[in-house]
Amino acid sequence: MLPLTPTIATLLFVLGCLAGYRYRRVWKAEGPRWQLWLYGLVAAAALLILAFVPMATPG
């Protein structure tokens, strides 16, 4: 498995945060279920990748 570079890890973190924010807004507005699933899965996938894929070490 390829290690994450700091740039990719940062982008995944931002993507996960934005997806979580959108999930919460749709949930509070009682929006469409498909949007809840979409944003929830994107946020979960991004944060799980950050949790279980190792970071690249310099050198």
PDB file of N, CA and C in Angstrom:
ATOM      1  N   MET A   1       0.851  -1.178   0.000  1.00  0.00           N
ATOM      2  CA  MET A   1       0.000   0.000   0.000  1.00  0.00           C
ATOM      3  C   MET A   1       0.897   1.242   0.000  1.00  0.00           C
ATOM      4  N   LEU A   2       0.505   2.232  -0.734  1.00  0.00           N
ATOM      5  CA  LEU A   2       1.291   3.455  -0.832  1.00  0.00           C
ATOM      6  C   LEU A   2       1.104   4.315   0.411  1.00  0.00           C
ATOM      7  N   PRO A   3       2.183   4.854   0.948  1.00  0.00           N
ATOM      8  CA  PRO A   3       2.042   5.750   2.105  1.00  0.00           C
ATOM      9  C   PRO A   3       1.492   7.110   1.675  1.00  0.00           C
ATOM     10  N   LEU A   4       0.857   7.775   2.613  1.00  0.00           N
ATOM     11  CA  LEU A   4       0.290   9.101   2.347  1.00  0.00           C
ATOM     12  C   LEU A   4       1.371  10.169   2.472  1.00  0.00           C
ATOM     13  N   THR A   5       1.393  11.072   1.530  1.00  0.00           N
ATOM     14  CA  THR A   5       2.264  12.235   1.648  1.00  0.00           C
ATOM     15  C   THR A   5       1.550  13.258   2.536  1.00  0.00           C
ATOM     16  N   PRO A   6       2.282  14.183   3.125  1.00  0.00           N
ATOM     17  CA  PRO A   6       1.621  15.199   3.952  1.00  0.00           C
ATOM     18  C   PRO A   6       0.576  16.020   3.195  1.00  0.00           C
ATOM     19  N   THR A   7       0.818  16.294   1.926  1.00  0.00           N
ATOM     20  CA  THR A   7      -0.146  17.061   1.137  1.00  0.00           C
ATOM     21  C   THR A   7      -1.447  16.292   0.946  1.00  0.00           C
ATOM     22  N   ILE A   8      -1.345  15.014   0.582  1.00  0.00           N
ATOM     23  CA  ILE A   8      -2.537  14.184   0.387  1.00  0.00           C
ATOM     24  C   ILE A   8      -3.282  14.006   1.710  1.00  0.00           C
ATOM     25  N   ALA A   9      -2.549  13.813   2.786  1.00  0.00           N
ATOM     26  CA  ALA A   9      -3.179  13.656   4.097  1.00  0.00           C
ATOM     27  C   ALA A   9      -3.941  14.922   4.491  1.00  0.00           C
ATOM     28  N   THR A  10      -3.361  16.069   4.217  1.00  0.00           N
ATOM     29  CA  THR A  10      -4.028  17.333   4.527  1.00  0.00           C
ATOM     30  C   THR A  10      -5.296  17.493   3.700  1.00  0.00           C
ATOM     31  N   LEU A  11      -5.209  17.165   2.420  1.00  0.00           N
ATOM     32  CA  LEU A  11      -6.398  17.251   1.557  1.00  0.00           C
ATOM     33  C   LEU A  11      -7.493  16.292   2.016  1.00  0.00           C
ATOM     34  N   LEU A  12      -7.111  15.080   2.418  1.00  0.00           N
ATOM     35  CA  LEU A  12      -8.101  14.127   2.923  1.00  0.00           C
ATOM     36  C   LEU A  12      -8.745  14.629   4.210  1.00  0.00           C
ATOM     37  N   PHE A  13      -7.947  15.236   5.075  1.00  0.00           N
ATOM     38  CA  PHE A  13      -8.485  15.781   6.320  1.00  0.00           C
ATOM     39  C   PHE A  13      -9.495  16.890   6.038  1.00  0.00           C
ATOM     40  N   VAL A  14      -9.151  17.797   5.142  1.00  0.00           N
ATOM     41  CA  VAL A  14     -10.058  18.896   4.789  1.00  0.00           C
ATOM     42  C   VAL A  14     -11.325  18.350   4.138  1.00  0.00           C
ATOM     43  N   LEU A  15     -11.171  17.380   3.239  1.00  0.00           N
ATOM     44  CA  LEU A  15     -12.333  16.758   2.599  1.00  0.00           C
ATOM     45  C   LEU A  15     -13.242  16.092   3.632  1.00  0.00           C
ATOM     46  N   GLY A  16     -12.649  15.373   4.585  1.00  0.00           N
ATOM     47  CA  GLY A  16     -13.436  14.730   5.636  1.00  0.00           C
ATOM     48  C   GLY A  16     -14.179  15.733   6.500  1.00  0.00           C
ATOM     49  N   CYS A  17     -13.509  16.832   6.835  1.00  0.00           N
ATOM     50  CA  CYS A  17     -14.147  17.878   7.644  1.00  0.00           C
ATOM     51  C   CYS A  17     -15.304  18.545   6.896  1.00  0.00           C
ATOM     52  N   LEU A  18     -15.078  18.877   5.635  1.00  0.00           N
ATOM     53  CA  LEU A  18     -16.138  19.506   4.843  1.00  0.00           C
ATOM     54  C   LEU A  18     -17.323  18.569   4.631  1.00  0.00           C
ATOM     55  N   ALA A  19     -17.043  17.304   4.383  1.00  0.00           N
ATOM     56  CA  ALA A  19     -18.130  16.334   4.206  1.00  0.00           C
ATOM     57  C   ALA A  19     -18.904  16.155   5.506  1.00  0.00           C
ATOM     58  N   GLY A  20     -18.208  16.136   6.631  1.00  0.00           N
ATOM     59  CA  GLY A  20     -18.888  16.035   7.921  1.00  0.00           C
ATOM     60  C   GLY A  20     -19.747  17.252   8.212  1.00  0.00           C
ATOM     61  N   TYR A  21     -19.240  18.415   7.832  1.00  0.00           N
ATOM     62  CA  TYR A  21     -20.011  19.651   8.006  1.00  0.00           C
ATOM     63  C   TYR A  21     -21.283  19.614   7.159  1.00  0.00           C
ATOM     64  N   ARG A  22     -21.139  19.202   5.903  1.00  0.00           N
ATOM     65  CA  ARG A  22     -22.308  19.108   5.019  1.00  0.00           C
ATOM     66  C   ARG A  22     -23.294  18.046   5.525  1.00  0.00           C
ATOM     67  N   TYR A  23     -22.777  16.928   6.042  1.00  0.00           N
ATOM     68  CA  TYR A  23     -23.632  15.876   6.611  1.00  0.00           C
ATOM     69  C   TYR A  23     -24.487  16.456   7.736  1.00  0.00           C
ATOM     70  N   ARG A  24     -23.845  17.203   8.624  1.00  0.00           N
ATOM     71  CA  ARG A  24     -24.572  17.761   9.762  1.00  0.00           C
ATOM     72  C   ARG A  24     -25.631  18.762   9.307  1.00  0.00           C
ATOM     73  N   ARG A  25     -25.311  19.578   8.306  1.00  0.00           N
ATOM     74  CA  ARG A  25     -26.292  20.558   7.815  1.00  0.00           C
ATOM     75  C   ARG A  25     -27.496  19.871   7.180  1.00  0.00           C
ATOM     76  N   VAL A  26     -27.247  18.824   6.385  1.00  0.00           N
ATOM     77  CA  VAL A  26     -28.353  18.097   5.757  1.00  0.00           C
ATOM     78  C   VAL A  26     -29.177  17.379   6.817  1.00  0.00           C
ATOM     79  N   TRP A  27     -28.507  16.811   7.802  1.00  0.00           N
ATOM     80  CA  TRP A  27     -29.197  16.083   8.864  1.00  0.00           C
ATOM     81  C   TRP A  27     -30.108  17.015   9.665  1.00  0.00           C
ATOM     82  N   LYS A  28     -29.588  18.195  10.037  1.00  0.00           N
ATOM     83  CA  LYS A  28     -30.392  19.133  10.814  1.00  0.00           C
ATOM     84  C   LYS A  28     -31.559  19.696  10.005  1.00  0.00           C
ATOM     85  N   ALA A  29     -31.375  19.853   8.693  1.00  0.00           N
ATOM     86  CA  ALA A  29     -32.443  20.372   7.840  1.00  0.00           C
ATOM     87  C   ALA A  29     -33.402  19.271   7.400  1.00  0.00           C
ATOM     88  N   GLU A  30     -33.137  18.029   7.840  1.00  0.00           N
ATOM     89  CA  GLU A  30     -33.924  16.866   7.442  1.00  0.00           C
ATOM     90  C   GLU A  30     -34.009  16.775   5.920  1.00  0.00           C
ATOM     91  N   GLY A  31     -32.842  16.878   5.312  1.00  0.00           N
ATOM     92  CA  GLY A  31     -32.741  16.831   3.860  1.00  0.00           C
ATOM     93  C   GLY A  31     -32.857  15.418   3.312  1.00  0.00           C
ATOM     94  N   PRO A  32     -32.591  15.268   2.024  1.00  0.00           N
ATOM     95  CA  PRO A  32     -32.720  13.967   1.374  1.00  0.00           C
ATOM     96  C   PRO A  32     -31.764  12.929   1.954  1.00  0.00           C
ATOM     97  N   ARG A  33     -32.262  11.710   2.073  1.00  0.00           N
ATOM     98  CA  ARG A  33     -31.456  10.629   2.637  1.00  0.00           C
ATOM     99  C   ARG A  33     -30.221  10.339   1.803  1.00  0.00           C
ATOM    100  N   TRP A  34     -30.310  10.460   0.484  1.00  0.00           N
ATOM    101  CA  TRP A  34     -29.151  10.131  -0.350  1.00  0.00           C
ATOM    102  C   TRP A  34     -27.986  11.070  -0.062  1.00  0.00           C
ATOM    103  N   GLN A  35     -28.297  12.325   0.284  1.00  0.00           N
ATOM    104  CA  GLN A  35     -27.228  13.261   0.624  1.00  0.00           C
ATOM    105  C   GLN A  35     -26.582  12.888   1.951  1.00  0.00           C
ATOM    106  N   LEU A  36     -27.386  12.423   2.905  1.00  0.00           N
ATOM    107  CA  LEU A  36     -26.822  11.963   4.166  1.00  0.00           C
ATOM    108  C   LEU A  36     -25.845  10.817   3.931  1.00  0.00           C
ATOM    109  N   TRP A  37     -26.253   9.853   3.113  1.00  0.00           N
ATOM    110  CA  TRP A  37     -25.377   8.725   2.811  1.00  0.00           C
ATOM    111  C   TRP A  37     -24.121   9.175   2.079  1.00  0.00           C
ATOM    112  N   LEU A  38     -24.275  10.044   1.114  1.00  0.00           N
ATOM    113  CA  LEU A  38     -23.127  10.498   0.335  1.00  0.00           C
ATOM    114  C   LEU A  38     -22.100  11.198   1.224  1.00  0.00           C
ATOM    115  N   TYR A  39     -22.534  12.205   1.969  1.00  0.00           N
ATOM    116  CA  TYR A  39     -21.610  12.957   2.808  1.00  0.00           C
ATOM    117  C   TYR A  39     -21.067  12.106   3.953  1.00  0.00           C
ATOM    118  N   GLY A  40     -21.900  11.258   4.510  1.00  0.00           N
ATOM    119  CA  GLY A  40     -21.441  10.393   5.593  1.00  0.00           C
ATOM    120  C   GLY A  40     -20.388   9.400   5.137  1.00  0.00           C
ATOM    121  N   LEU A  41     -20.588   8.804   3.972  1.00  0.00           N
ATOM    122  CA  LEU A  41     -19.611   7.848   3.459  1.00  0.00           C
ATOM    123  C   LEU A  41     -18.303   8.523   3.058  1.00  0.00           C
ATOM    124  N   VAL A  42     -18.395   9.708   2.472  1.00  0.00           N
ATOM    125  CA  VAL A  42     -17.182  10.440   2.102  1.00  0.00           C
ATOM    126  C   VAL A  42     -16.392  10.801   3.358  1.00  0.00           C
ATOM    127  N   ALA A  43     -17.069  11.314   4.374  1.00  0.00           N
ATOM    128  CA  ALA A  43     -16.383  11.691   5.618  1.00  0.00           C
ATOM    129  C   ALA A  43     -15.773  10.470   6.293  1.00  0.00           C
ATOM    130  N   ALA A  44     -16.523   9.391   6.369  1.00  0.00           N
ATOM    131  CA  ALA A  44     -16.018   8.179   7.012  1.00  0.00           C
ATOM    132  C   ALA A  44     -14.829   7.604   6.261  1.00  0.00           C
ATOM    133  N   ALA A  45     -14.916   7.559   4.937  1.00  0.00           N
ATOM    134  CA  ALA A  45     -13.812   7.006   4.144  1.00  0.00           C
ATOM    135  C   ALA A  45     -12.551   7.845   4.306  1.00  0.00           C
ATOM    136  N   ALA A  46     -12.690   9.153   4.255  1.00  0.00           N
ATOM    137  CA  ALA A  46     -11.516  10.022   4.383  1.00  0.00           C
ATOM    138  C   ALA A  46     -10.851   9.844   5.740  1.00  0.00           C
ATOM    139  N   LEU A  47     -11.638   9.810   6.797  1.00  0.00           N
ATOM    140  CA  LEU A  47     -11.057   9.694   8.126  1.00  0.00           C
ATOM    141  C   LEU A  47     -10.509   8.293   8.393  1.00  0.00           C
ATOM    142  N   LEU A  48     -11.130   7.254   7.827  1.00  0.00           N
ATOM    143  CA  LEU A  48     -10.590   5.900   7.976  1.00  0.00           C
ATOM    144  C   LEU A  48      -9.275   5.729   7.223  1.00  0.00           C
ATOM    145  N   ILE A  49      -9.184   6.334   6.060  1.00  0.00           N
ATOM    146  CA  ILE A  49      -7.917   6.286   5.320  1.00  0.00           C
ATOM    147  C   ILE A  49      -6.824   6.964   6.130  1.00  0.00           C
ATOM    148  N   LEU A  50      -7.140   8.117   6.711  1.00  0.00           N
ATOM    149  CA  LEU A  50      -6.140   8.819   7.523  1.00  0.00           C
ATOM    150  C   LEU A  50      -5.741   7.991   8.741  1.00  0.00           C
ATOM    151  N   ALA A  51      -6.677   7.227   9.278  1.00  0.00           N
ATOM    152  CA  ALA A  51      -6.392   6.457  10.480  1.00  0.00           C
ATOM    153  C   ALA A  51      -5.532   5.232  10.194  1.00  0.00           C
ATOM    154  N   PHE A  52      -5.716   4.589   9.032  1.00  0.00           N
ATOM    155  CA  PHE A  52      -5.101   3.274   8.827  1.00  0.00           C
ATOM    156  C   PHE A  52      -4.024   3.207   7.746  1.00  0.00           C
ATOM    157  N   VAL A  53      -3.852   4.260   6.973  1.00  0.00           N
ATOM    158  CA  VAL A  53      -2.791   4.260   5.952  1.00  0.00           C
ATOM    159  C   VAL A  53      -1.607   5.031   6.520  1.00  0.00           C
ATOM    160  N   PRO A  54      -0.436   4.442   6.500  1.00  0.00           N
ATOM    161  CA  PRO A  54       0.722   5.120   7.107  1.00  0.00           C
ATOM    162  C   PRO A  54       1.165   6.355   6.322  1.00  0.00           C
ATOM    163  N   MET A  55       1.771   7.276   7.045  1.00  0.00           N
ATOM    164  CA  MET A  55       2.324   8.483   6.430  1.00  0.00           C
ATOM    165  C   MET A  55       3.713   8.185   5.893  1.00  0.00           C
ATOM    166  N   ALA A  56       4.083   8.884   4.828  1.00  0.00           N
ATOM    167  CA  ALA A  56       5.420   8.735   4.253  1.00  0.00           C
ATOM    168  C   ALA A  56       6.437   9.397   5.188  1.00  0.00           C
ATOM    169  N   THR A  57       7.557   8.740   5.375  1.00  0.00           N
ATOM    170  CA  THR A  57       8.612   9.321   6.195  1.00  0.00           C
ATOM    171  C   THR A  57       9.707   9.884   5.290  1.00  0.00           C
ATOM    172  N   PRO A  58      10.237  11.034   5.643  1.00  0.00           N
ATOM    173  CA  PRO A  58      11.303  11.604   4.810  1.00  0.00           C
ATOM    174  C   PRO A  58      12.582  10.779   4.919  1.00  0.00           C
ATOM    175  N   GLY A  59      13.264  10.674   3.793  1.00  0.00           N
ATOM    176  CA  GLY A  59      14.552   9.999   3.829  1.00  0.00           C
ATOM    177  C   GLY A  59      14.630   8.750   3.129  1.00  0.00           C
TER     178      GLY A  59
END
